[in-house]
Amino acid sequence: QRAINFIATAQHKDRGGWRYAPGVGADTSVSGWMTMALESGKRAGLDVQSDTYANITRWLDASQASANERYLYRYNPWAADSPQQRHGRATSKTMTAVGLLMRLYSGWKPDHPDFVRGSDYLAANPPGYGTLNDRQRDTYYWYYATQVMLQRGGERWETWREQLFPL
C-alpha cells in the first residue's frame, strides 16, 4: 500500500501523469508504467484513490492527438520544439498502445468507439520482426499492443496473436 501511495503522491498535480522524478513533468511512457503498477495494486485489493485515475484521464486527454482522434497518443505534448525533442509531440503506434491500455484501466470498456478505432489502428501496424540487417522488433510496442489486442478480443486478437507468434 505504501508503494501505491507513493505513486499517487508522485503524480504531477497539474498534468496528471508521471516522469522520472516525483511531481516533475509527465510523459506517456512513464505514466503507462505507473498506471500498470496502480492497476496491479488495485487488483490485489490495495486502495487506489479515484482522483488518481481522474488525473490519469487528464493526462490522456492532453496526450491524445486531438478531440477527433482520441485513439492516437503522443509521448509528450509539451516536449520542447527542438530537433532532439519535437518527436515527442507526434503520435506513435507505441504511445498509442500505452495510451489505450491506460484508457482501459481508467474506465473505458473494450467496446468504447475510440478504443475500437485505436485497436484497429494497431491492427493495421502489426508487430515487425525485420531482418538480421534491419531489425524492427519493438518489444515495448509488442508488450502494450498485445495487451490492448487481447482486451479487444475476437478476430483482431486472433490475427494479432498469429502475427506475433507465427508457427
C-alpha atoms as a PDB file:
ATOM      1  CA  GLN A   1       0.000   0.000   0.000  1.00  0.00           C
ATOM      2  CA  ARG A   2       2.884   2.349   0.736  1.00  0.00           C
ATOM      3  CA  ALA A   3       4.177   1.914  -2.824  1.00  0.00           C
ATOM      4  CA  ILE A   4       0.725   2.712  -4.254  1.00  0.00           C
ATOM      5  CA  ASN A   5       0.516   5.769  -2.026  1.00  0.00           C
ATOM      6  CA  PHE A   6       3.963   6.894  -3.185  1.00  0.00           C
ATOM      7  CA  ILE A   7       2.983   6.530  -6.845  1.00  0.00           C
ATOM      8  CA  ALA A   8      -0.185   8.566  -6.268  1.00  0.00           C
ATOM      9  CA  THR A   9       1.779  11.265  -4.433  1.00  0.00           C
ATOM     10  CA  ALA A  10       4.423  11.365  -7.173  1.00  0.00           C
ATOM     11  CA  GLN A  11       1.812  12.103  -9.855  1.00  0.00           C
ATOM     12  CA  HIS A  12       2.179  15.534 -11.477  1.00  0.00           C
ATOM     13  CA  LYS A  13      -0.501  17.676  -9.890  1.00  0.00           C
ATOM     14  CA  ASP A  14      -1.427  19.684 -12.994  1.00  0.00           C
ATOM     15  CA  ARG A  15      -0.702  17.315 -15.869  1.00  0.00           C
ATOM     16  CA  GLY A  16      -1.842  14.097 -14.210  1.00  0.00           C
ATOM     17  CA  GLY A  17       0.992  11.879 -15.406  1.00  0.00           C
ATOM     18  CA  TRP A  18       4.442  10.896 -14.209  1.00  0.00           C
ATOM     19  CA  ARG A  19       8.031  11.346 -15.275  1.00  0.00           C
ATOM     20  CA  TYR A  20      11.359  10.276 -13.764  1.00  0.00           C
ATOM     21  CA  ALA A  21      11.179  12.387 -10.596  1.00  0.00           C
ATOM     22  CA  PRO A  22       8.113  12.778  -8.363  1.00  0.00           C
ATOM     23  CA  GLY A  23       5.859  15.614  -9.446  1.00  0.00           C
ATOM     24  CA  VAL A  24       8.263  16.847 -12.142  1.00  0.00           C
ATOM     25  CA  GLY A  25       6.781  16.698 -15.649  1.00  0.00           C
ATOM     26  CA  ALA A  26       4.996  13.813 -17.296  1.00  0.00           C
ATOM     27  CA  ASP A  27       5.184  11.561 -20.330  1.00  0.00           C
ATOM     28  CA  THR A  28       3.038   8.727 -21.619  1.00  0.00           C
ATOM     29  CA  SER A  29       5.761   6.112 -21.252  1.00  0.00           C
ATOM     30  CA  VAL A  30       6.408   6.547 -17.531  1.00  0.00           C
ATOM     31  CA  SER A  31       2.715   7.244 -16.958  1.00  0.00           C
ATOM     32  CA  GLY A  32       1.918   3.893 -18.547  1.00  0.00           C
ATOM     33  CA  TRP A  33       4.200   2.043 -16.153  1.00  0.00           C
ATOM     34  CA  MET A  34       2.758   3.870 -13.158  1.00  0.00           C
ATOM     35  CA  THR A  35      -0.781   3.112 -14.313  1.00  0.00           C
ATOM     36  CA  MET A  36       0.171  -0.562 -14.653  1.00  0.00           C
ATOM     37  CA  ALA A  37       1.502  -0.541 -11.082  1.00  0.00           C
ATOM     38  CA  LEU A  38      -1.660   1.135  -9.783  1.00  0.00           C
ATOM     39  CA  GLU A  39      -3.864  -1.341 -11.615  1.00  0.00           C
ATOM     40  CA  SER A  40      -1.845  -4.258 -10.237  1.00  0.00           C
ATOM     41  CA  GLY A  41      -2.253  -2.866  -6.732  1.00  0.00           C
ATOM     42  CA  LYS A  42      -5.953  -2.322  -7.226  1.00  0.00           C
ATOM     43  CA  ARG A  43      -6.427  -5.899  -8.462  1.00  0.00           C
ATOM     44  CA  ALA A  44      -4.507  -7.114  -5.416  1.00  0.00           C
ATOM     45  CA  GLY A  45      -7.012  -5.371  -3.149  1.00  0.00           C
ATOM     46  CA  LEU A  46      -5.000  -2.251  -2.368  1.00  0.00           C
ATOM     47  CA  ASP A  47      -6.592   1.185  -2.169  1.00  0.00           C
ATOM     48  CA  VAL A  48      -6.103   3.474  -5.171  1.00  0.00           C
ATOM     49  CA  GLN A  49      -7.811   6.841  -4.799  1.00  0.00           C
ATOM     50  CA  SER A  50     -10.313   7.654  -7.563  1.00  0.00           C
ATOM     51  CA  ASP A  51      -8.758  11.097  -8.079  1.00  0.00           C
ATOM     52  CA  THR A  52      -5.542   9.360  -9.156  1.00  0.00           C
ATOM     53  CA  TYR A  53      -7.436   7.804 -12.068  1.00  0.00           C
ATOM     54  CA  ALA A  54      -9.161  11.127 -12.803  1.00  0.00           C
ATOM     55  CA  ASN A  55      -5.704  12.691 -13.089  1.00  0.00           C
ATOM     56  CA  ILE A  56      -4.595   9.899 -15.443  1.00  0.00           C
ATOM     57  CA  THR A  57      -7.575  10.751 -17.627  1.00  0.00           C
ATOM     58  CA  ARG A  58      -6.454  14.388 -17.649  1.00  0.00           C
ATOM     59  CA  TRP A  59      -3.003  13.278 -18.879  1.00  0.00           C
ATOM     60  CA  LEU A  60      -4.539  11.107 -21.581  1.00  0.00           C
ATOM     61  CA  ASP A  61      -6.802  13.913 -22.756  1.00  0.00           C
ATOM     62  CA  ALA A  62      -3.749  16.148 -23.145  1.00  0.00           C
ATOM     63  CA  SER A  63      -1.722  13.414 -24.850  1.00  0.00           C
ATOM     64  CA  GLN A  64      -4.296  12.355 -27.406  1.00  0.00           C
ATOM     65  CA  ALA A  65      -3.788  13.551 -30.960  1.00  0.00           C
ATOM     66  CA  SER A  66      -6.912  15.745 -30.924  1.00  0.00           C
ATOM     67  CA  ALA A  67     -10.527  15.765 -29.787  1.00  0.00           C
ATOM     68  CA  ASN A  68     -11.372  13.977 -33.047  1.00  0.00           C
ATOM     69  CA  GLU A  69      -8.531  11.455 -32.731  1.00  0.00           C
ATOM     70  CA  ARG A  70      -8.865  10.292 -29.133  1.00  0.00           C
ATOM     71  CA  TYR A  71      -7.414   6.937 -30.137  1.00  0.00           C
ATOM     72  CA  LEU A  72      -3.898   8.173 -31.046  1.00  0.00           C
ATOM     73  CA  TYR A  73      -1.385   9.206 -28.375  1.00  0.00           C
ATOM     74  CA  ARG A  74       1.853  11.152 -28.029  1.00  0.00           C
ATOM     75  CA  TYR A  75       4.843  10.724 -25.761  1.00  0.00           C
ATOM     76  CA  ASN A  76       4.739  14.326 -24.510  1.00  0.00           C
ATOM     77  CA  PRO A  77       2.561  17.089 -25.926  1.00  0.00           C
ATOM     78  CA  TRP A  78       4.737  19.622 -24.054  1.00  0.00           C
ATOM     79  CA  ALA A  79       8.048  18.390 -25.477  1.00  0.00           C
ATOM     80  CA  ALA A  80      10.401  21.182 -26.466  1.00  0.00           C
ATOM     81  CA  ASP A  81      10.184  22.226 -30.093  1.00  0.00           C
ATOM     82  CA  SER A  82      13.792  21.297 -30.795  1.00  0.00           C
ATOM     83  CA  PRO A  83      15.348  18.738 -33.146  1.00  0.00           C
ATOM     84  CA  GLN A  84      16.136  16.500 -30.178  1.00  0.00           C
ATOM     85  CA  GLN A  85      12.706  16.692 -28.511  1.00  0.00           C
ATOM     86  CA  ARG A  86       9.968  17.513 -31.034  1.00  0.00           C
ATOM     87  CA  HIS A  87       9.389  13.852 -31.947  1.00  0.00           C
ATOM     88  CA  GLY A  88       7.658  13.577 -28.561  1.00  0.00           C
ATOM     89  CA  ARG A  89       4.850  15.783 -29.840  1.00  0.00           C
ATOM     90  CA  ALA A  90       3.983  13.363 -32.661  1.00  0.00           C
ATOM     91  CA  THR A  91       1.682  10.405 -32.216  1.00  0.00           C
ATOM     92  CA  SER A  92       3.237   6.959 -32.467  1.00  0.00           C
ATOM     93  CA  LYS A  93       1.984   3.407 -32.523  1.00  0.00           C
ATOM     94  CA  THR A  94       3.915   2.627 -29.338  1.00  0.00           C
ATOM     95  CA  MET A  95       2.490   5.528 -27.330  1.00  0.00           C
ATOM     96  CA  THR A  96      -0.940   4.787 -28.790  1.00  0.00           C
ATOM     97  CA  ALA A  97      -0.731   1.246 -27.403  1.00  0.00           C
ATOM     98  CA  VAL A  98       0.303   2.608 -23.991  1.00  0.00           C
ATOM     99  CA  GLY A  99      -2.445   5.244 -24.034  1.00  0.00           C
ATOM    100  CA  LEU A 100      -5.146   2.770 -24.989  1.00  0.00           C
ATOM    101  CA  LEU A 101      -4.224   0.380 -22.199  1.00  0.00           C
ATOM    102  CA  MET A 102      -4.207   3.303 -19.763  1.00  0.00           C
ATOM    103  CA  ARG A 103      -7.689   4.228 -21.001  1.00  0.00           C
ATOM    104  CA  LEU A 104      -8.922   0.717 -20.243  1.00  0.00           C
ATOM    105  CA  TYR A 105      -7.533   0.895 -16.728  1.00  0.00           C
ATOM    106  CA  SER A 106      -9.084   4.345 -16.312  1.00  0.00           C
ATOM    107  CA  GLY A 107     -12.586   3.285 -17.224  1.00  0.00           C
ATOM    108  CA  TRP A 108     -13.013   2.681 -20.944  1.00  0.00           C
ATOM    109  CA  LYS A 109     -14.519  -0.638 -21.979  1.00  0.00           C
ATOM    110  CA  PRO A 110     -13.206  -2.668 -24.933  1.00  0.00           C
ATOM    111  CA  ASP A 111     -16.282  -1.673 -26.959  1.00  0.00           C
ATOM    112  CA  HIS A 112     -15.670   2.088 -26.473  1.00  0.00           C
ATOM    113  CA  PRO A 113     -15.685   3.549 -30.005  1.00  0.00           C
ATOM    114  CA  ASP A 114     -12.266   5.194 -29.608  1.00  0.00           C
ATOM    115  CA  PHE A 115     -10.778   2.006 -28.161  1.00  0.00           C
ATOM    116  CA  VAL A 116     -12.103   0.129 -31.177  1.00  0.00           C
ATOM    117  CA  ARG A 117     -10.641   2.748 -33.536  1.00  0.00           C
ATOM    118  CA  GLY A 118      -7.319   2.631 -31.700  1.00  0.00           C
ATOM    119  CA  SER A 119      -7.094  -1.143 -31.749  1.00  0.00           C
ATOM    120  CA  ASP A 120      -7.957  -1.069 -35.460  1.00  0.00           C
ATOM    121  CA  TYR A 121      -5.019   1.327 -35.901  1.00  0.00           C
ATOM    122  CA  LEU A 122      -2.740  -1.085 -34.023  1.00  0.00           C
ATOM    123  CA  ALA A 123      -4.031  -3.981 -36.116  1.00  0.00           C
ATOM    124  CA  ALA A 124      -3.015  -2.036 -39.232  1.00  0.00           C
ATOM    125  CA  ASN A 125       0.501  -1.786 -37.711  1.00  0.00           C
ATOM    126  CA  PRO A 126       1.324  -5.390 -36.810  1.00  0.00           C
ATOM    127  CA  PRO A 127       4.434  -6.346 -34.890  1.00  0.00           C
ATOM    128  CA  GLY A 128       7.502  -6.484 -37.084  1.00  0.00           C
ATOM    129  CA  TYR A 129      10.495  -8.735 -36.942  1.00  0.00           C
ATOM    130  CA  GLY A 130      12.569  -7.230 -39.715  1.00  0.00           C
ATOM    131  CA  THR A 131      15.708  -8.988 -40.873  1.00  0.00           C
ATOM    132  CA  LEU A 132      19.149  -9.621 -39.431  1.00  0.00           C
ATOM    133  CA  ASN A 133      20.364  -6.426 -41.098  1.00  0.00           C
ATOM    134  CA  ASP A 134      17.238  -4.361 -40.350  1.00  0.00           C
ATOM    135  CA  ARG A 135      15.788  -5.405 -37.012  1.00  0.00           C
ATOM    136  CA  GLN A 136      12.369  -3.990 -36.336  1.00  0.00           C
ATOM    137  CA  ARG A 137      11.475  -5.608 -33.047  1.00  0.00           C
ATOM    138  CA  ASP A 138       9.941  -3.064 -30.735  1.00  0.00           C
ATOM    139  CA  THR A 139       9.302  -5.138 -27.651  1.00  0.00           C
ATOM    140  CA  TYR A 140       7.858  -2.131 -25.833  1.00  0.00           C
ATOM    141  CA  TYR A 141       5.229  -1.829 -28.575  1.00  0.00           C
ATOM    142  CA  TRP A 142       4.645  -5.570 -28.572  1.00  0.00           C
ATOM    143  CA  TYR A 143       4.135  -5.574 -24.791  1.00  0.00           C
ATOM    144  CA  TYR A 144       1.477  -2.867 -24.692  1.00  0.00           C
ATOM    145  CA  ALA A 145      -0.180  -3.517 -28.062  1.00  0.00           C
ATOM    146  CA  THR A 146      -0.543  -7.216 -27.277  1.00  0.00           C
ATOM    147  CA  GLN A 147      -2.420  -6.391 -24.076  1.00  0.00           C
ATOM    148  CA  VAL A 148      -4.656  -3.968 -25.982  1.00  0.00           C
ATOM    149  CA  MET A 149      -5.392  -6.536 -28.666  1.00  0.00           C
ATOM    150  CA  LEU A 150      -6.098  -9.244 -26.084  1.00  0.00           C
ATOM    151  CA  GLN A 151      -8.655  -6.919 -24.476  1.00  0.00           C
ATOM    152  CA  ARG A 152     -10.159  -6.214 -27.902  1.00  0.00           C
ATOM    153  CA  GLY A 153     -10.572  -9.956 -28.367  1.00  0.00           C
ATOM    154  CA  GLY A 154     -12.218 -11.752 -31.229  1.00  0.00           C
ATOM    155  CA  GLU A 155     -10.781 -11.819 -34.716  1.00  0.00           C
ATOM    156  CA  ARG A 156      -8.497  -8.831 -34.053  1.00  0.00           C
ATOM    157  CA  TRP A 157      -6.824 -10.723 -31.205  1.00  0.00           C
ATOM    158  CA  GLU A 158      -6.538 -13.977 -33.161  1.00  0.00           C
ATOM    159  CA  THR A 159      -4.926 -12.209 -36.123  1.00  0.00           C
ATOM    160  CA  TRP A 160      -2.547 -10.284 -33.835  1.00  0.00           C
ATOM    161  CA  ARG A 161      -1.540 -13.416 -31.943  1.00  0.00           C
ATOM    162  CA  GLU A 162      -0.833 -15.270 -35.189  1.00  0.00           C
ATOM    163  CA  GLN A 163       1.347 -12.379 -36.428  1.00  0.00           C
ATOM    164  CA  LEU A 164       3.229 -12.132 -33.168  1.00  0.00           C
ATOM    165  CA  PHE A 165       3.752 -15.875 -32.774  1.00  0.00           C
ATOM    166  CA  PRO A 166       3.846 -17.353 -36.273  1.00  0.00           C
ATOM    167  CA  LEU A 167       4.014 -21.132 -36.391  1.00  0.00           C
END
